[in-house]
Amino acid sequence: MDLVEAHILVLDYLLSNDSINMKFNLGTGKGTSVLELIDYFEKANNIEVPYIFGDRRKGDKKILVADNSSFKSFFNWEPRRTITQMCSDGWKWKLSNY
């Protein structure tokens, strides 16, 4: 929902201003490892996520975190949901749409 609200802010801005080229990162601004995300998802949805460890793909970054500071500043926006809420909402959407 945070992403939806952010996109609506951009759309509203573009509808009431001259079109400009803007580039922003959206996210929580906090890093989360893949294993942490799996743990959040499992706990939020009371399910087990099967996974295996594999080799890092060529070009994969060791750490990558979205810097949302320019979007936050330009649109006076803050992500409001927790990762647990995001995992729960995403799973509910998946179950009701497939």
Protein backbone atom coordinates (compact mmCIF):
# COMPACT_ATOMS: atom_id res chain seq x y z
CA MET A 1 0.00 0.00 0.00
CA ASP A 2 2.92 2.35 0.61
CA LEU A 3 3.98 1.90 -3.02
CA VAL A 4 0.42 2.47 -4.24
CA GLU A 5 0.14 5.67 -2.22
CA ALA A 6 3.52 6.87 -3.49
CA HIS A 7 2.51 6.24 -7.10
CA ILE A 8 -0.75 8.13 -6.56
CA LEU A 9 1.24 11.10 -5.22
CA VAL A 10 3.34 11.09 -8.40
CA LEU A 11 0.28 10.78 -10.64
CA ASP A 12 -1.48 13.64 -8.86
CA TYR A 13 1.66 15.75 -9.20
CA LEU A 14 1.98 15.02 -12.92
CA LEU A 15 -1.69 15.76 -13.55
CA SER A 16 -1.42 19.21 -11.99
CA ASN A 17 2.09 20.24 -13.14
CA ASP A 18 4.10 20.33 -16.32
CA SER A 19 5.53 16.93 -17.13
CA ILE A 20 9.13 16.52 -16.03
CA ASN A 21 11.54 13.61 -15.93
CA MET A 22 11.86 12.43 -12.33
CA LYS A 23 13.77 9.47 -10.93
CA PHE A 24 13.16 8.26 -7.40
CA ASN A 25 13.80 5.16 -5.35
CA LEU A 26 10.93 3.82 -3.28
CA GLY A 27 11.33 1.55 -0.30
CA THR A 28 11.63 1.64 3.43
CA GLY A 29 15.16 3.01 3.31
CA LYS A 30 16.23 0.16 5.59
CA GLY A 31 18.10 -2.92 4.44
CA THR A 32 16.58 -6.38 4.81
CA SER A 33 18.42 -9.56 3.89
CA VAL A 34 16.71 -12.29 1.89
CA LEU A 35 16.78 -14.59 4.93
CA GLU A 36 15.28 -11.87 7.13
CA LEU A 37 12.52 -11.33 4.58
CA ILE A 38 11.76 -15.06 4.46
CA ASP A 39 11.54 -15.07 8.26
CA TYR A 40 9.18 -12.06 8.28
CA PHE A 41 7.03 -13.67 5.59
CA GLU A 42 6.81 -17.02 7.36
CA LYS A 43 5.85 -15.44 10.68
CA ALA A 44 3.35 -13.01 9.15
CA ASN A 45 1.54 -15.73 7.23
CA ASN A 46 2.12 -18.77 9.43
CA ILE A 47 3.62 -20.74 6.53
CA GLU A 48 6.96 -22.28 5.66
CA VAL A 49 8.80 -20.97 2.63
CA PRO A 50 11.02 -23.59 1.00
CA TYR A 51 14.39 -22.27 -0.15
CA ILE A 52 17.87 -23.42 -1.05
CA PHE A 53 21.19 -21.62 -0.91
CA GLY A 54 22.83 -21.09 -4.27
CA ASP A 55 25.82 -19.28 -5.64
CA ARG A 56 25.60 -15.55 -6.11
CA ARG A 57 24.88 -14.67 -9.72
CA LYS A 58 27.46 -12.71 -11.67
CA GLY A 59 26.80 -9.00 -11.12
CA ASP A 60 24.73 -9.45 -7.94
CA LYS A 61 25.52 -6.83 -5.34
CA LYS A 62 26.38 -7.93 -1.82
CA ILE A 63 24.22 -5.17 -0.32
CA LEU A 64 21.63 -2.95 -1.98
CA VAL A 65 19.29 -0.57 -0.14
CA ALA A 66 16.88 1.86 -1.79
CA ASP A 67 17.66 5.44 -0.81
CA ASN A 68 14.20 7.00 -0.64
CA SER A 69 15.36 10.35 0.80
CA SER A 70 14.76 12.41 -2.37
CA PHE A 71 11.21 11.04 -2.77
CA LYS A 72 10.49 11.61 0.93
CA SER A 73 11.71 15.19 0.66
CA PHE A 74 10.01 16.06 -2.65
CA PHE A 75 6.61 14.59 -1.75
CA ASN A 76 6.73 14.82 2.05
CA TRP A 77 6.13 11.06 2.15
CA GLU A 78 7.04 8.36 4.62
CA PRO A 79 6.48 4.63 4.34
CA ARG A 80 3.98 3.73 7.05
CA ARG A 81 3.73 -0.05 6.95
CA THR A 82 6.08 -2.56 8.53
CA ILE A 83 7.72 -5.35 6.61
CA THR A 84 5.44 -7.77 8.47
CA GLN A 85 2.37 -5.87 7.23
CA MET A 86 3.76 -5.87 3.68
CA CYS A 87 4.31 -9.64 3.80
CA SER A 88 0.80 -10.23 5.13
CA ASP A 89 -0.86 -7.91 2.60
CA GLY A 90 1.10 -9.38 -0.30
CA TRP A 91 0.14 -12.95 0.64
CA LYS A 92 -3.53 -12.01 1.07
CA TRP A 93 -3.49 -10.43 -2.39
CA LYS A 94 -1.82 -13.51 -3.89
CA LEU A 95 -4.37 -15.86 -2.32
CA SER A 96 -7.34 -13.81 -3.50
CA ASN A 97 -6.06 -13.28 -7.06
CA TYR A 98 -4.76 -16.72 -8.09
